[in-house]
Amino acid sequence: MHDAQDMDIVEVRNAAISLPNGRRLAIWRSGADSPAQPGRVAIVAPGFARRMRNVAPFARYLVDNGFVVYRCDYVDHVGLSDGEI
């Protein structure tokens, strides 16, 4: 589920990958279907005890400047991925 505050800042598309151990890593993708220029792809990693929603302002800035942005919540951490602290 998306955080309503994040949705106001930047549009996100849910994605997830299954890790080799079967656990789920939650990923959000923001931006156009392809970057404005080749190589304009950014991975924005949240800091300790933060979630991908906490870096939404950075994602918005990058999307506004032609980047495709990926964010994730770490496994065994706070957020939407599998596991707990």
N, C-alpha and C. Protein backbone atom coordinates (compact mmCIF):
# COMPACT_ATOMS: atom_id res chain seq x y z
N MET A 1 0.84 -1.17 0.00
CA MET A 1 0.00 0.00 0.00
C MET A 1 0.89 1.24 0.00
N HIS A 2 0.52 2.22 -0.74
CA HIS A 2 1.27 3.47 -0.80
C HIS A 2 0.87 4.36 0.35
N ASP A 3 1.78 5.17 0.79
CA ASP A 3 1.51 6.19 1.78
C ASP A 3 0.90 7.37 1.05
N ALA A 4 -0.23 7.89 1.54
CA ALA A 4 -0.93 8.98 0.86
C ALA A 4 -0.04 10.20 0.69
N GLN A 5 0.79 10.49 1.66
CA GLN A 5 1.69 11.64 1.57
C GLN A 5 2.67 11.47 0.41
N ASP A 6 3.20 10.26 0.23
CA ASP A 6 4.13 10.01 -0.85
C ASP A 6 3.45 10.17 -2.20
N MET A 7 2.22 9.73 -2.31
CA MET A 7 1.49 9.83 -3.57
C MET A 7 1.30 11.28 -3.98
N ASP A 8 1.19 12.19 -3.02
CA ASP A 8 1.05 13.60 -3.33
C ASP A 8 2.36 14.19 -3.86
N ILE A 9 3.47 13.58 -3.48
CA ILE A 9 4.78 14.11 -3.85
C ILE A 9 5.22 13.59 -5.21
N VAL A 10 5.12 12.28 -5.42
CA VAL A 10 5.59 11.67 -6.66
C VAL A 10 4.82 10.37 -6.91
N GLU A 11 4.43 10.16 -8.16
CA GLU A 11 3.72 8.94 -8.52
C GLU A 11 4.65 7.74 -8.40
N VAL A 12 4.12 6.65 -7.87
CA VAL A 12 4.93 5.44 -7.73
C VAL A 12 4.23 4.25 -8.37
N ARG A 13 5.04 3.32 -8.82
CA ARG A 13 4.54 2.03 -9.31
C ARG A 13 5.14 0.96 -8.42
N ASN A 14 4.28 0.12 -7.89
CA ASN A 14 4.75 -0.97 -7.04
C ASN A 14 5.48 -2.00 -7.87
N ALA A 15 6.52 -2.49 -7.31
CA ALA A 15 7.23 -3.62 -7.88
C ALA A 15 7.78 -4.40 -6.69
N ALA A 16 8.08 -5.62 -6.90
CA ALA A 16 8.70 -6.43 -5.85
C ALA A 16 9.50 -7.52 -6.54
N ILE A 17 10.54 -7.94 -5.87
CA ILE A 17 11.28 -9.07 -6.38
C ILE A 17 11.34 -10.13 -5.29
N SER A 18 11.36 -11.36 -5.72
CA SER A 18 11.54 -12.47 -4.79
C SER A 18 13.02 -12.79 -4.73
N LEU A 19 13.53 -12.81 -3.54
CA LEU A 19 14.94 -13.12 -3.32
C LEU A 19 15.14 -14.63 -3.38
N PRO A 20 16.37 -15.10 -3.55
CA PRO A 20 16.62 -16.55 -3.63
C PRO A 20 16.06 -17.33 -2.44
N ASN A 21 15.97 -16.69 -1.28
CA ASN A 21 15.43 -17.38 -0.11
C ASN A 21 13.91 -17.30 -0.03
N GLY A 22 13.27 -16.76 -1.08
CA GLY A 22 11.81 -16.69 -1.15
C GLY A 22 11.19 -15.46 -0.51
N ARG A 23 11.98 -14.63 0.08
CA ARG A 23 11.44 -13.43 0.71
C ARG A 23 11.25 -12.32 -0.31
N ARG A 24 10.37 -11.38 0.02
CA ARG A 24 9.96 -10.32 -0.89
C ARG A 24 10.68 -9.02 -0.55
N LEU A 25 11.24 -8.37 -1.58
CA LEU A 25 11.84 -7.05 -1.45
C LEU A 25 10.92 -6.07 -2.16
N ALA A 26 10.35 -5.12 -1.41
CA ALA A 26 9.44 -4.12 -1.97
C ALA A 26 10.24 -3.01 -2.64
N ILE A 27 9.81 -2.65 -3.85
CA ILE A 27 10.48 -1.61 -4.64
C ILE A 27 9.42 -0.67 -5.20
N TRP A 28 9.71 0.61 -5.19
CA TRP A 28 8.87 1.60 -5.87
C TRP A 28 9.66 2.20 -7.01
N ARG A 29 8.98 2.39 -8.14
CA ARG A 29 9.59 3.00 -9.33
C ARG A 29 8.83 4.27 -9.63
N SER A 30 9.53 5.35 -9.90
CA SER A 30 8.91 6.63 -10.24
C SER A 30 9.56 7.17 -11.50
N GLY A 31 8.79 7.90 -12.28
CA GLY A 31 9.32 8.52 -13.48
C GLY A 31 8.68 7.98 -14.74
N ALA A 32 9.15 8.48 -15.86
CA ALA A 32 8.63 8.09 -17.17
C ALA A 32 8.95 6.62 -17.46
N ASP A 33 8.36 6.09 -18.52
CA ASP A 33 8.64 4.70 -18.90
C ASP A 33 10.11 4.49 -19.25
N SER A 34 10.76 5.54 -19.71
CA SER A 34 12.20 5.48 -19.97
C SER A 34 12.80 6.83 -19.58
N PRO A 35 14.07 6.86 -19.23
CA PRO A 35 14.69 8.12 -18.83
C PRO A 35 14.70 9.14 -19.96
N ALA A 36 14.74 10.42 -19.58
CA ALA A 36 14.78 11.51 -20.57
C ALA A 36 16.04 11.41 -21.42
N GLN A 37 17.13 10.98 -20.83
CA GLN A 37 18.39 10.78 -21.53
C GLN A 37 18.98 9.46 -21.06
N PRO A 38 19.73 8.78 -21.90
CA PRO A 38 20.35 7.52 -21.47
C PRO A 38 21.16 7.72 -20.18
N GLY A 39 21.06 6.77 -19.29
CA GLY A 39 21.84 6.81 -18.06
C GLY A 39 21.19 7.57 -16.92
N ARG A 40 20.03 8.15 -17.15
CA ARG A 40 19.36 8.90 -16.08
C ARG A 40 18.46 7.97 -15.27
N VAL A 41 19.11 7.10 -14.54
CA VAL A 41 18.42 6.17 -13.63
C VAL A 41 19.09 6.33 -12.28
N ALA A 42 18.28 6.48 -11.23
CA ALA A 42 18.82 6.66 -9.89
C ALA A 42 18.22 5.65 -8.93
N ILE A 43 19.03 5.17 -8.02
CA ILE A 43 18.56 4.34 -6.92
C ILE A 43 18.74 5.19 -5.67
N VAL A 44 17.64 5.46 -4.98
CA VAL A 44 17.68 6.29 -3.78
C VAL A 44 17.41 5.36 -2.60
N ALA A 45 18.42 5.18 -1.77
CA ALA A 45 18.33 4.27 -0.64
C ALA A 45 18.02 5.04 0.64
N PRO A 46 17.00 4.60 1.37
CA PRO A 46 16.72 5.27 2.64
C PRO A 46 17.78 4.95 3.67
N GLY A 47 17.96 5.84 4.63
CA GLY A 47 18.94 5.62 5.69
C GLY A 47 18.42 4.66 6.74
N PHE A 48 19.20 4.46 7.77
CA PHE A 48 18.84 3.55 8.85
C PHE A 48 17.53 4.00 9.51
N ALA A 49 16.64 3.04 9.74
CA ALA A 49 15.34 3.27 10.37
C ALA A 49 14.45 4.20 9.55
N ARG A 50 14.65 4.23 8.26
CA ARG A 50 13.82 5.01 7.35
C ARG A 50 13.21 4.08 6.31
N ARG A 51 12.13 4.56 5.72
CA ARG A 51 11.45 3.80 4.68
C ARG A 51 11.58 4.53 3.36
N MET A 52 11.23 3.84 2.27
CA MET A 52 11.35 4.47 0.95
C MET A 52 10.45 5.70 0.83
N ARG A 53 9.37 5.75 1.60
CA ARG A 53 8.51 6.94 1.56
C ARG A 53 9.23 8.17 2.09
N ASN A 54 10.21 7.98 2.99
CA ASN A 54 10.93 9.11 3.58
C ASN A 54 11.83 9.83 2.59
N VAL A 55 12.15 9.21 1.47
CA VAL A 55 13.02 9.86 0.48
C VAL A 55 12.22 10.35 -0.74
N ALA A 56 10.89 10.47 -0.56
CA ALA A 56 10.03 10.93 -1.65
C ALA A 56 10.42 12.30 -2.20
N PRO A 57 10.80 13.28 -1.36
CA PRO A 57 11.20 14.58 -1.93
C PRO A 57 12.41 14.47 -2.87
N PHE A 58 13.36 13.60 -2.55
CA PHE A 58 14.51 13.39 -3.43
C PHE A 58 14.06 12.75 -4.74
N ALA A 59 13.16 11.77 -4.64
CA ALA A 59 12.64 11.12 -5.84
C ALA A 59 11.92 12.13 -6.73
N ARG A 60 11.12 12.99 -6.14
CA ARG A 60 10.39 14.01 -6.90
C ARG A 60 11.36 14.91 -7.65
N TYR A 61 12.41 15.37 -6.98
CA TYR A 61 13.40 16.23 -7.61
C TYR A 61 14.05 15.53 -8.81
N LEU A 62 14.43 14.28 -8.62
CA LEU A 62 15.08 13.54 -9.70
C LEU A 62 14.13 13.29 -10.87
N VAL A 63 12.88 12.91 -10.57
CA VAL A 63 11.89 12.68 -11.63
C VAL A 63 11.66 13.98 -12.41
N ASP A 64 11.56 15.09 -11.70
CA ASP A 64 11.36 16.39 -12.37
C ASP A 64 12.53 16.75 -13.27
N ASN A 65 13.68 16.13 -13.05
CA ASN A 65 14.86 16.39 -13.85
C ASN A 65 15.21 15.25 -14.80
N GLY A 66 14.19 14.45 -15.15
CA GLY A 66 14.34 13.47 -16.21
C GLY A 66 14.85 12.09 -15.81
N PHE A 67 14.93 11.81 -14.51
CA PHE A 67 15.42 10.51 -14.06
C PHE A 67 14.28 9.53 -13.84
N VAL A 68 14.58 8.27 -14.00
CA VAL A 68 13.73 7.18 -13.50
C VAL A 68 14.34 6.81 -12.16
N VAL A 69 13.50 6.71 -11.13
CA VAL A 69 13.99 6.52 -9.77
C VAL A 69 13.45 5.23 -9.18
N TYR A 70 14.34 4.47 -8.56
CA TYR A 70 13.96 3.26 -7.83
C TYR A 70 14.27 3.46 -6.36
N ARG A 71 13.35 2.99 -5.51
CA ARG A 71 13.55 3.02 -4.06
C ARG A 71 13.13 1.66 -3.51
N CYS A 72 13.67 1.31 -2.36
CA CYS A 72 13.28 0.04 -1.75
C CYS A 72 13.23 0.16 -0.24
N ASP A 73 12.48 -0.74 0.38
CA ASP A 73 12.54 -0.94 1.82
C ASP A 73 13.36 -2.20 2.03
N TYR A 74 14.35 -2.12 2.89
CA TYR A 74 15.24 -3.25 3.11
C TYR A 74 14.52 -4.43 3.77
N VAL A 75 14.98 -5.63 3.49
CA VAL A 75 14.49 -6.83 4.17
C VAL A 75 15.00 -6.80 5.61
N ASP A 76 14.19 -7.32 6.52
CA ASP A 76 14.52 -7.34 7.96
C ASP A 76 14.76 -5.94 8.52
N HIS A 77 13.93 -5.01 8.09
CA HIS A 77 14.04 -3.62 8.51
C HIS A 77 12.62 -3.07 8.57
N VAL A 78 12.44 -1.80 8.82
CA VAL A 78 11.11 -1.20 8.79
C VAL A 78 10.66 -1.09 7.34
N GLY A 79 9.35 -1.15 7.12
CA GLY A 79 8.84 -0.95 5.77
C GLY A 79 8.05 -2.11 5.22
N LEU A 80 7.93 -2.13 3.89
CA LEU A 80 7.03 -3.04 3.21
C LEU A 80 7.65 -4.37 2.80
N SER A 81 8.95 -4.51 2.90
CA SER A 81 9.61 -5.78 2.55
C SER A 81 9.43 -6.79 3.68
N ASP A 82 9.70 -8.05 3.37
CA ASP A 82 9.56 -9.11 4.37
C ASP A 82 10.55 -8.95 5.51
N GLY A 83 10.15 -9.43 6.67
CA GLY A 83 11.03 -9.47 7.84
C GLY A 83 10.75 -8.35 8.81
N GLU A 84 11.39 -8.44 9.94
CA GLU A 84 11.27 -7.45 10.99
C GLU A 84 12.63 -7.15 11.57
N ILE A 85 12.73 -6.04 12.24
CA ILE A 85 14.00 -5.68 12.91
C ILE A 85 14.22 -6.64 14.06
